[in-house]
Amino acid sequence: MTAQSKRLPHPRRSIAAATTGIVLAGALFGGSFVAAAQDQSAATAKDVIFARKSMMGAISDNMDEIEMMVAVNKIDLDDGHEHADTISIMLLAFPHLFPPSSNQWKPNKPDIDPATDTFASPDVWTKFSDFYKRAGDASKTAFDISQANKVDDFKKHAQELRAACNACHSLYMKDQ
């Protein structure tokens, strides 16, 4: 068995990584040329708030899978790597879903729509460089999980990622 055949890419991971790469590349590069000529008025702050809530939900689902493996002490490194890689990629994109127009927090707002009303603290925008750095650091920690070849390293980085998530939420997420 050759060194290359020992670690073949997981088919689902390869498909997910390729799809994510294509989508991100298209959004970042293809969209940037077209966007200048397009009318962007159709995209509302509520749309971007919904998008970031959807992305955070996906990050949370993947984190739940990692934490469940750790909690029951049945860690499948290949599966865990896939979840961590997904989190890492999403956290790189996440801060870009906070344009100034989506700074719409209003305390004690009646009839909050859980899908399109924000719980992002106005501090996200006044301390954006810190928010951006925290997302990048958390992305790096998720990447470290995706590269962990030992169960103990996987567990350690998973705990670090949970701590990073909790710290960011305590600073930048409001609760009603």
N, C-alpha and C. Protein backbone atom coordinates (compact mmCIF):
# COMPACT_ATOMS: atom_id res chain seq x y z
N MET A 1 0.85 -1.18 0.00
CA MET A 1 0.00 0.00 0.00
C MET A 1 0.88 1.24 0.00
N THR A 2 0.63 2.13 -0.92
CA THR A 2 1.43 3.36 -1.01
C THR A 2 0.93 4.38 0.01
N ALA A 3 1.76 5.38 0.23
CA ALA A 3 1.36 6.44 1.18
C ALA A 3 0.11 7.15 0.71
N GLN A 4 -0.04 7.32 -0.61
CA GLN A 4 -1.22 8.01 -1.12
C GLN A 4 -2.47 7.17 -0.95
N SER A 5 -2.36 5.86 -1.08
CA SER A 5 -3.56 5.03 -0.99
C SER A 5 -4.01 4.83 0.44
N LYS A 6 -3.15 5.14 1.42
CA LYS A 6 -3.54 4.99 2.82
C LYS A 6 -4.62 5.98 3.21
N ARG A 7 -4.57 7.17 2.67
CA ARG A 7 -5.56 8.18 3.06
C ARG A 7 -6.24 8.72 1.82
N LEU A 8 -7.16 7.91 1.32
CA LEU A 8 -7.97 8.35 0.19
C LEU A 8 -9.00 9.34 0.70
N PRO A 9 -9.35 10.32 -0.09
CA PRO A 9 -10.35 11.29 0.36
C PRO A 9 -11.70 10.60 0.56
N HIS A 10 -12.37 11.03 1.59
CA HIS A 10 -13.72 10.54 1.87
C HIS A 10 -14.62 11.06 0.75
N PRO A 11 -15.38 10.20 0.06
CA PRO A 11 -16.17 10.67 -1.09
C PRO A 11 -17.10 11.83 -0.76
N ARG A 12 -17.78 11.75 0.38
CA ARG A 12 -18.72 12.81 0.74
C ARG A 12 -17.97 14.10 1.03
N ARG A 13 -16.80 13.99 1.67
CA ARG A 13 -16.00 15.16 1.98
C ARG A 13 -15.51 15.82 0.69
N SER A 14 -15.09 15.00 -0.27
CA SER A 14 -14.60 15.54 -1.54
C SER A 14 -15.70 16.27 -2.28
N ILE A 15 -16.88 15.68 -2.30
CA ILE A 15 -18.02 16.32 -2.97
C ILE A 15 -18.39 17.61 -2.26
N ALA A 16 -18.45 17.55 -0.93
CA ALA A 16 -18.83 18.74 -0.16
C ALA A 16 -17.79 19.84 -0.33
N ALA A 17 -16.51 19.49 -0.28
CA ALA A 17 -15.46 20.49 -0.42
C ALA A 17 -15.49 21.10 -1.82
N ALA A 18 -15.68 20.26 -2.82
CA ALA A 18 -15.73 20.77 -4.19
C ALA A 18 -16.93 21.68 -4.39
N THR A 19 -18.08 21.26 -3.89
CA THR A 19 -19.29 22.06 -4.03
C THR A 19 -19.13 23.39 -3.30
N THR A 20 -18.63 23.33 -2.06
CA THR A 20 -18.44 24.55 -1.29
C THR A 20 -17.46 25.47 -2.00
N GLY A 21 -16.38 24.91 -2.52
CA GLY A 21 -15.39 25.71 -3.22
C GLY A 21 -15.97 26.39 -4.44
N ILE A 22 -16.76 25.65 -5.20
CA ILE A 22 -17.37 26.21 -6.41
C ILE A 22 -18.35 27.32 -6.05
N VAL A 23 -19.17 27.08 -5.03
CA VAL A 23 -20.15 28.08 -4.62
C VAL A 23 -19.45 29.34 -4.12
N LEU A 24 -18.44 29.16 -3.25
CA LEU A 24 -17.74 30.33 -2.72
C LEU A 24 -16.99 31.07 -3.82
N ALA A 25 -16.33 30.33 -4.70
CA ALA A 25 -15.61 30.98 -5.80
C ALA A 25 -16.57 31.75 -6.69
N GLY A 26 -17.70 31.13 -6.99
CA GLY A 26 -18.70 31.80 -7.82
C GLY A 26 -19.24 33.05 -7.15
N ALA A 27 -19.49 32.94 -5.86
CA ALA A 27 -20.03 34.08 -5.14
C ALA A 27 -19.00 35.20 -5.01
N LEU A 28 -17.75 34.82 -4.74
CA LEU A 28 -16.73 35.84 -4.52
C LEU A 28 -16.22 36.45 -5.82
N PHE A 29 -16.01 35.61 -6.84
CA PHE A 29 -15.39 36.11 -8.06
C PHE A 29 -16.41 36.41 -9.14
N GLY A 30 -17.23 35.44 -9.46
CA GLY A 30 -18.22 35.64 -10.52
C GLY A 30 -19.22 36.70 -10.16
N GLY A 31 -19.70 36.67 -8.94
CA GLY A 31 -20.69 37.64 -8.51
C GLY A 31 -20.15 39.05 -8.43
N SER A 32 -18.86 39.18 -8.13
CA SER A 32 -18.32 40.53 -7.96
C SER A 32 -18.30 41.31 -9.26
N PHE A 33 -18.11 40.64 -10.40
CA PHE A 33 -18.10 41.33 -11.68
C PHE A 33 -19.52 41.69 -12.11
N VAL A 34 -20.45 40.79 -11.85
CA VAL A 34 -21.82 41.00 -12.28
C VAL A 34 -22.52 41.98 -11.34
N ALA A 35 -22.18 41.95 -10.07
CA ALA A 35 -22.89 42.76 -9.08
C ALA A 35 -22.82 44.24 -9.37
N ALA A 36 -21.72 44.69 -9.94
CA ALA A 36 -21.59 46.11 -10.22
C ALA A 36 -22.65 46.60 -11.20
N ALA A 37 -23.10 45.72 -12.07
CA ALA A 37 -24.08 46.12 -13.08
C ALA A 37 -25.51 45.76 -12.67
N GLN A 38 -25.67 45.02 -11.59
CA GLN A 38 -27.00 44.57 -11.21
C GLN A 38 -27.64 45.53 -10.21
N ASP A 39 -28.95 45.53 -10.23
CA ASP A 39 -29.73 46.26 -9.24
C ASP A 39 -29.78 45.41 -7.98
N GLN A 40 -29.17 45.87 -6.91
CA GLN A 40 -29.10 45.11 -5.66
C GLN A 40 -30.27 45.42 -4.71
N SER A 41 -31.22 46.21 -5.16
CA SER A 41 -32.31 46.62 -4.27
C SER A 41 -33.21 45.47 -3.86
N ALA A 42 -33.19 44.38 -4.59
CA ALA A 42 -34.04 43.24 -4.24
C ALA A 42 -33.55 42.55 -2.96
N ALA A 43 -32.26 42.62 -2.69
CA ALA A 43 -31.69 42.00 -1.49
C ALA A 43 -31.93 42.95 -0.31
N THR A 44 -32.62 42.46 0.69
CA THR A 44 -32.94 43.29 1.84
C THR A 44 -32.12 42.88 3.04
N ALA A 45 -32.12 43.72 4.07
CA ALA A 45 -31.44 43.37 5.32
C ALA A 45 -32.02 42.09 5.89
N LYS A 46 -33.32 41.91 5.77
CA LYS A 46 -33.94 40.68 6.28
C LYS A 46 -33.42 39.44 5.55
N ASP A 47 -33.12 39.60 4.25
CA ASP A 47 -32.56 38.48 3.48
C ASP A 47 -31.19 38.08 4.04
N VAL A 48 -30.34 39.06 4.30
CA VAL A 48 -29.00 38.75 4.80
C VAL A 48 -29.07 38.21 6.23
N ILE A 49 -29.99 38.71 7.01
CA ILE A 49 -30.17 38.19 8.37
C ILE A 49 -30.62 36.73 8.31
N PHE A 50 -31.54 36.43 7.42
CA PHE A 50 -31.98 35.04 7.23
C PHE A 50 -30.80 34.16 6.78
N ALA A 51 -29.99 34.67 5.86
CA ALA A 51 -28.84 33.91 5.36
C ALA A 51 -27.85 33.61 6.48
N ARG A 52 -27.55 34.61 7.31
CA ARG A 52 -26.57 34.36 8.37
C ARG A 52 -27.15 33.45 9.45
N LYS A 53 -28.46 33.54 9.72
CA LYS A 53 -29.07 32.62 10.67
C LYS A 53 -29.04 31.19 10.12
N SER A 54 -29.26 31.05 8.82
CA SER A 54 -29.20 29.73 8.19
C SER A 54 -27.79 29.17 8.29
N MET A 55 -26.79 30.01 8.01
CA MET A 55 -25.41 29.55 8.09
C MET A 55 -25.05 29.19 9.53
N MET A 56 -25.45 30.01 10.49
CA MET A 56 -25.14 29.69 11.89
C MET A 56 -25.85 28.40 12.31
N GLY A 57 -27.04 28.16 11.79
CA GLY A 57 -27.72 26.90 12.08
C GLY A 57 -26.94 25.71 11.56
N ALA A 58 -26.37 25.84 10.36
CA ALA A 58 -25.56 24.76 9.80
C ALA A 58 -24.27 24.57 10.59
N ILE A 59 -23.65 25.66 11.02
CA ILE A 59 -22.46 25.57 11.86
C ILE A 59 -22.81 24.84 13.15
N SER A 60 -23.92 25.22 13.75
CA SER A 60 -24.37 24.61 15.00
C SER A 60 -24.65 23.11 14.82
N ASP A 61 -25.30 22.74 13.74
CA ASP A 61 -25.58 21.32 13.48
C ASP A 61 -24.29 20.52 13.38
N ASN A 62 -23.31 21.06 12.69
CA ASN A 62 -22.03 20.36 12.55
C ASN A 62 -21.29 20.30 13.89
N MET A 63 -21.37 21.37 14.67
CA MET A 63 -20.74 21.37 16.00
C MET A 63 -21.42 20.36 16.91
N ASP A 64 -22.75 20.25 16.81
CA ASP A 64 -23.47 19.25 17.61
C ASP A 64 -22.97 17.85 17.31
N GLU A 65 -22.71 17.56 16.05
CA GLU A 65 -22.20 16.23 15.66
C GLU A 65 -20.84 15.97 16.30
N ILE A 66 -19.97 16.96 16.27
CA ILE A 66 -18.65 16.82 16.88
C ILE A 66 -18.77 16.62 18.39
N GLU A 67 -19.58 17.45 19.02
CA GLU A 67 -19.73 17.36 20.47
C GLU A 67 -20.40 16.06 20.91
N MET A 68 -21.29 15.52 20.08
CA MET A 68 -21.91 14.24 20.41
C MET A 68 -20.87 13.12 20.38
N MET A 69 -19.99 13.15 19.37
CA MET A 69 -18.92 12.15 19.31
C MET A 69 -18.07 12.20 20.57
N VAL A 70 -17.73 13.41 21.00
CA VAL A 70 -16.89 13.58 22.19
C VAL A 70 -17.65 13.13 23.43
N ALA A 71 -18.92 13.50 23.54
CA ALA A 71 -19.71 13.18 24.73
C ALA A 71 -19.86 11.68 24.94
N VAL A 72 -20.07 10.93 23.87
CA VAL A 72 -20.27 9.48 24.00
C VAL A 72 -18.95 8.72 23.80
N ASN A 73 -17.86 9.48 23.57
CA ASN A 73 -16.53 8.91 23.40
C ASN A 73 -16.47 7.89 22.26
N LYS A 74 -17.17 8.20 21.17
CA LYS A 74 -17.13 7.38 19.95
C LYS A 74 -16.78 8.31 18.80
N ILE A 75 -15.50 8.58 18.68
CA ILE A 75 -15.05 9.55 17.70
C ILE A 75 -14.63 8.85 16.42
N ASP A 76 -15.33 9.18 15.36
CA ASP A 76 -14.98 8.75 14.01
C ASP A 76 -14.23 9.93 13.41
N LEU A 77 -12.90 9.82 13.35
CA LEU A 77 -12.10 10.96 12.91
C LEU A 77 -12.46 11.42 11.50
N ASP A 78 -12.74 10.49 10.58
CA ASP A 78 -13.09 10.92 9.22
C ASP A 78 -14.37 11.74 9.23
N ASP A 79 -15.38 11.27 9.94
CA ASP A 79 -16.65 12.00 10.02
C ASP A 79 -16.45 13.33 10.76
N GLY A 80 -15.70 13.29 11.85
CA GLY A 80 -15.42 14.51 12.60
C GLY A 80 -14.65 15.53 11.78
N HIS A 81 -13.70 15.04 10.99
CA HIS A 81 -12.94 15.94 10.12
C HIS A 81 -13.85 16.64 9.13
N GLU A 82 -14.80 15.90 8.59
CA GLU A 82 -15.74 16.47 7.62
C GLU A 82 -16.57 17.59 8.25
N HIS A 83 -17.10 17.33 9.45
CA HIS A 83 -17.89 18.35 10.14
C HIS A 83 -17.04 19.58 10.47
N ALA A 84 -15.82 19.35 10.93
CA ALA A 84 -14.94 20.46 11.30
C ALA A 84 -14.53 21.27 10.08
N ASP A 85 -14.27 20.59 8.96
CA ASP A 85 -13.90 21.30 7.74
C ASP A 85 -15.05 22.19 7.27
N THR A 86 -16.26 21.69 7.36
CA THR A 86 -17.44 22.48 6.99
C THR A 86 -17.55 23.71 7.88
N ILE A 87 -17.37 23.53 9.18
CA ILE A 87 -17.43 24.66 10.12
C ILE A 87 -16.35 25.69 9.77
N SER A 88 -15.14 25.21 9.51
CA SER A 88 -14.04 26.11 9.20
C SER A 88 -14.35 26.99 7.99
N ILE A 89 -14.86 26.38 6.94
CA ILE A 89 -15.19 27.13 5.73
C ILE A 89 -16.31 28.14 6.00
N MET A 90 -17.33 27.71 6.71
CA MET A 90 -18.46 28.60 6.98
C MET A 90 -18.06 29.78 7.86
N LEU A 91 -17.18 29.53 8.83
CA LEU A 91 -16.75 30.63 9.70
C LEU A 91 -15.92 31.66 8.96
N LEU A 92 -15.24 31.25 7.89
CA LEU A 92 -14.52 32.23 7.08
C LEU A 92 -15.48 33.17 6.36
N ALA A 93 -16.62 32.64 5.94
CA ALA A 93 -17.60 33.44 5.20
C ALA A 93 -18.53 34.22 6.14
N PHE A 94 -18.72 33.73 7.34
CA PHE A 94 -19.74 34.26 8.25
C PHE A 94 -19.68 35.77 8.47
N PRO A 95 -18.54 36.38 8.79
CA PRO A 95 -18.55 37.82 9.07
C PRO A 95 -18.96 38.67 7.88
N HIS A 96 -18.87 38.11 6.69
CA HIS A 96 -19.25 38.85 5.49
C HIS A 96 -20.77 38.97 5.35
N LEU A 97 -21.49 38.31 6.24
CA LEU A 97 -22.96 38.38 6.23
C LEU A 97 -23.47 39.42 7.22
N PHE A 98 -22.63 40.41 7.52
CA PHE A 98 -23.00 41.46 8.46
C PHE A 98 -22.79 42.85 7.84
N PRO A 99 -23.45 43.13 6.71
CA PRO A 99 -23.32 44.48 6.15
C PRO A 99 -23.97 45.48 7.11
N PRO A 100 -23.54 46.73 7.08
CA PRO A 100 -24.09 47.74 7.99
C PRO A 100 -25.62 47.82 7.96
N SER A 101 -26.22 47.58 6.81
CA SER A 101 -27.68 47.68 6.72
C SER A 101 -28.40 46.64 7.57
N SER A 102 -27.69 45.59 8.00
CA SER A 102 -28.33 44.55 8.80
C SER A 102 -28.18 44.79 10.30
N ASN A 103 -27.66 45.96 10.69
CA ASN A 103 -27.57 46.36 12.09
C ASN A 103 -28.94 46.87 12.51
N GLN A 104 -29.82 45.94 12.87
CA GLN A 104 -31.22 46.30 13.12
C GLN A 104 -31.74 45.86 14.48
N TRP A 105 -30.85 45.65 15.44
CA TRP A 105 -31.28 45.22 16.77
C TRP A 105 -32.15 46.27 17.44
N LYS A 106 -33.28 45.83 17.96
CA LYS A 106 -34.18 46.69 18.72
C LYS A 106 -34.60 45.91 19.96
N PRO A 107 -34.22 46.38 21.16
CA PRO A 107 -34.60 45.66 22.37
C PRO A 107 -36.11 45.71 22.59
N ASN A 108 -36.62 44.63 23.16
CA ASN A 108 -38.03 44.51 23.52
C ASN A 108 -38.97 44.73 22.34
N LYS A 109 -38.52 44.35 21.16
CA LYS A 109 -39.35 44.50 19.97
C LYS A 109 -40.49 43.47 20.04
N PRO A 110 -41.72 43.92 19.87
CA PRO A 110 -42.83 42.96 19.87
C PRO A 110 -42.85 42.16 18.56
N ASP A 111 -43.40 40.98 18.62
CA ASP A 111 -43.58 40.14 17.43
C ASP A 111 -42.29 39.90 16.65
N ILE A 112 -41.28 39.41 17.33
CA ILE A 112 -40.01 39.14 16.66
C ILE A 112 -40.17 37.94 15.74
N ASP A 113 -39.72 38.10 14.51
CA ASP A 113 -39.70 37.00 13.54
C ASP A 113 -38.38 36.26 13.74
N PRO A 114 -38.41 35.00 14.20
CA PRO A 114 -37.16 34.29 14.49
C PRO A 114 -36.30 34.06 13.25
N ALA A 115 -36.88 34.15 12.07
CA ALA A 115 -36.11 33.91 10.85
C ALA A 115 -35.44 35.18 10.33
N THR A 116 -36.09 36.31 10.45
CA THR A 116 -35.57 37.51 9.77
C THR A 116 -35.27 38.70 10.68
N ASP A 117 -35.57 38.61 11.95
CA ASP A 117 -35.17 39.68 12.87
C ASP A 117 -33.85 39.29 13.50
N THR A 118 -33.00 40.26 13.72
CA THR A 118 -31.64 39.98 14.18
C THR A 118 -31.54 39.90 15.70
N PHE A 119 -30.59 39.09 16.13
CA PHE A 119 -30.18 39.05 17.52
C PHE A 119 -28.73 39.46 17.64
N ALA A 120 -28.17 39.98 16.54
CA ALA A 120 -26.80 40.46 16.54
C ALA A 120 -26.73 41.78 17.29
N SER A 121 -25.82 41.85 18.24
CA SER A 121 -25.61 43.07 19.00
C SER A 121 -25.06 44.16 18.10
N PRO A 122 -25.45 45.41 18.33
CA PRO A 122 -24.84 46.51 17.58
C PRO A 122 -23.31 46.56 17.74
N ASP A 123 -22.79 45.89 18.77
CA ASP A 123 -21.34 45.83 18.97
C ASP A 123 -20.63 45.12 17.82
N VAL A 124 -21.34 44.26 17.08
CA VAL A 124 -20.74 43.61 15.91
C VAL A 124 -20.16 44.68 14.98
N TRP A 125 -20.90 45.76 14.78
CA TRP A 125 -20.51 46.78 13.82
C TRP A 125 -19.54 47.79 14.43
N THR A 126 -19.67 48.08 15.73
CA THR A 126 -18.76 49.05 16.34
C THR A 126 -17.41 48.41 16.68
N LYS A 127 -17.39 47.09 16.80
CA LYS A 127 -16.15 46.36 17.10
C LYS A 127 -15.92 45.27 16.05
N PHE A 128 -16.18 45.64 14.79
CA PHE A 128 -16.16 44.64 13.72
C PHE A 128 -14.80 43.95 13.58
N SER A 129 -13.71 44.66 13.78
CA SER A 129 -12.39 44.02 13.63
C SER A 129 -12.21 42.89 14.64
N ASP A 130 -12.72 43.08 15.86
CA ASP A 130 -12.65 42.00 16.86
C ASP A 130 -13.56 40.84 16.46
N PHE A 131 -14.77 41.15 16.03
CA PHE A 131 -15.71 40.12 15.58
C PHE A 131 -15.11 39.32 14.44
N TYR A 132 -14.53 40.03 13.47
CA TYR A 132 -13.91 39.40 12.30
C TYR A 132 -12.75 38.49 12.72
N LYS A 133 -11.91 38.98 13.64
CA LYS A 133 -10.78 38.20 14.12
C LYS A 133 -11.26 36.96 14.86
N ARG A 134 -12.27 37.08 15.68
CA ARG A 134 -12.79 35.93 16.41
C ARG A 134 -13.31 34.86 15.45
N ALA A 135 -14.01 35.27 14.41
CA ALA A 135 -14.50 34.30 13.42
C ALA A 135 -13.33 33.61 12.73
N GLY A 136 -12.30 34.37 12.39
CA GLY A 136 -11.12 33.79 11.75
C GLY A 136 -10.38 32.83 12.67
N ASP A 137 -10.24 33.22 13.93
CA ASP A 137 -9.58 32.35 14.91
C ASP A 137 -10.37 31.06 15.12
N ALA A 138 -11.69 31.18 15.19
CA ALA A 138 -12.53 30.00 15.35
C ALA A 138 -12.45 29.11 14.12
N SER A 139 -12.37 29.72 12.95
CA SER A 139 -12.20 28.96 11.71
C SER A 139 -10.91 28.15 11.76
N LYS A 140 -9.84 28.78 12.24
CA LYS A 140 -8.54 28.10 12.36
C LYS A 140 -8.65 26.93 13.35
N THR A 141 -9.35 27.12 14.45
CA THR A 141 -9.51 26.04 15.42
C THR A 141 -10.31 24.89 14.81
N ALA A 142 -11.36 25.22 14.06
CA ALA A 142 -12.12 24.16 13.38
C ALA A 142 -11.23 23.43 12.37
N PHE A 143 -10.38 24.19 11.67
CA PHE A 143 -9.43 23.56 10.75
C PHE A 143 -8.50 22.62 11.50
N ASP A 144 -8.04 23.04 12.69
CA ASP A 144 -7.18 22.17 13.50
C ASP A 144 -7.90 20.86 13.86
N ILE A 145 -9.19 20.95 14.14
CA ILE A 145 -9.97 19.73 14.39
C ILE A 145 -9.95 18.85 13.15
N SER A 146 -10.14 19.47 12.00
CA SER A 146 -10.21 18.70 10.75
C SER A 146 -8.89 18.02 10.39
N GLN A 147 -7.81 18.46 11.02
CA GLN A 147 -6.50 17.87 10.75
C GLN A 147 -6.01 16.96 11.88
N ALA A 148 -6.76 16.89 12.98
CA ALA A 148 -6.33 16.09 14.13
C ALA A 148 -6.30 14.61 13.78
N ASN A 149 -5.15 13.98 13.99
CA ASN A 149 -5.02 12.55 13.71
C ASN A 149 -5.09 11.71 14.98
N LYS A 150 -5.17 12.38 16.12
CA LYS A 150 -5.28 11.68 17.40
C LYS A 150 -6.57 12.12 18.08
N VAL A 151 -7.23 11.17 18.70
CA VAL A 151 -8.50 11.45 19.37
C VAL A 151 -8.34 12.53 20.43
N ASP A 152 -7.25 12.49 21.20
CA ASP A 152 -7.05 13.50 22.24
C ASP A 152 -6.91 14.90 21.65
N ASP A 153 -6.24 15.02 20.51
CA ASP A 153 -6.13 16.33 19.85
C ASP A 153 -7.49 16.79 19.33
N PHE A 154 -8.26 15.86 18.77
CA PHE A 154 -9.61 16.16 18.29
C PHE A 154 -10.44 16.72 19.43
N LYS A 155 -10.42 16.05 20.58
CA LYS A 155 -11.21 16.48 21.74
C LYS A 155 -10.76 17.85 22.24
N LYS A 156 -9.45 18.05 22.31
CA LYS A 156 -8.90 19.32 22.81
C LYS A 156 -9.34 20.48 21.91
N HIS A 157 -9.21 20.30 20.62
CA HIS A 157 -9.59 21.38 19.70
C HIS A 157 -11.11 21.59 19.69
N ALA A 158 -11.88 20.53 19.88
CA ALA A 158 -13.34 20.67 19.95
C ALA A 158 -13.73 21.53 21.15
N GLN A 159 -13.06 21.31 22.28
CA GLN A 159 -13.33 22.13 23.47
C GLN A 159 -12.93 23.58 23.23
N GLU A 160 -11.82 23.78 22.54
CA GLU A 160 -11.37 25.15 22.22
C GLU A 160 -12.38 25.85 21.31
N LEU A 161 -12.91 25.10 20.35
CA LEU A 161 -13.89 25.71 19.45
C LEU A 161 -15.17 26.07 20.19
N ARG A 162 -15.62 25.19 21.07
CA ARG A 162 -16.83 25.51 21.86
C ARG A 162 -16.59 26.76 22.69
N ALA A 163 -15.43 26.87 23.31
CA ALA A 163 -15.12 28.06 24.12
C ALA A 163 -15.10 29.31 23.25
N ALA A 164 -14.53 29.22 22.05
CA ALA A 164 -14.50 30.38 21.14
C ALA A 164 -15.91 30.78 20.73
N CYS A 165 -16.75 29.81 20.43
CA CYS A 165 -18.14 30.10 20.05
C CYS A 165 -18.87 30.79 21.20
N ASN A 166 -18.75 30.22 22.39
CA ASN A 166 -19.45 30.79 23.55
C ASN A 166 -18.98 32.21 23.85
N ALA A 167 -17.68 32.45 23.73
CA ALA A 167 -17.14 33.79 24.00
C ALA A 167 -17.68 34.80 22.99
N CYS A 168 -17.70 34.42 21.73
CA CYS A 168 -18.20 35.33 20.70
C CYS A 168 -19.70 35.60 20.89
N HIS A 169 -20.46 34.55 21.18
CA HIS A 169 -21.90 34.73 21.41
C HIS A 169 -22.14 35.64 22.61
N SER A 170 -21.34 35.51 23.66
CA SER A 170 -21.57 36.35 24.84
C SER A 170 -21.32 37.83 24.55
N LEU A 171 -20.42 38.10 23.61
CA LEU A 171 -20.11 39.48 23.25
C LEU A 171 -21.04 40.06 22.18
N TYR A 172 -21.44 39.23 21.23
CA TYR A 172 -22.05 39.76 20.00
C TYR A 172 -23.45 39.25 19.71
N MET A 173 -24.05 38.53 20.63
CA MET A 173 -25.40 38.03 20.39
C MET A 173 -26.32 38.50 21.53
N LYS A 174 -27.41 39.10 21.15
CA LYS A 174 -28.40 39.55 22.13
C LYS A 174 -29.43 38.44 22.33
N ASP A 175 -29.99 38.41 23.52
CA ASP A 175 -31.15 37.56 23.73
C ASP A 175 -32.29 38.44 24.23
N GLN A 176 -33.45 38.12 23.81
CA GLN A 176 -34.60 38.98 24.09
C GLN A 176 -34.97 38.94 25.54
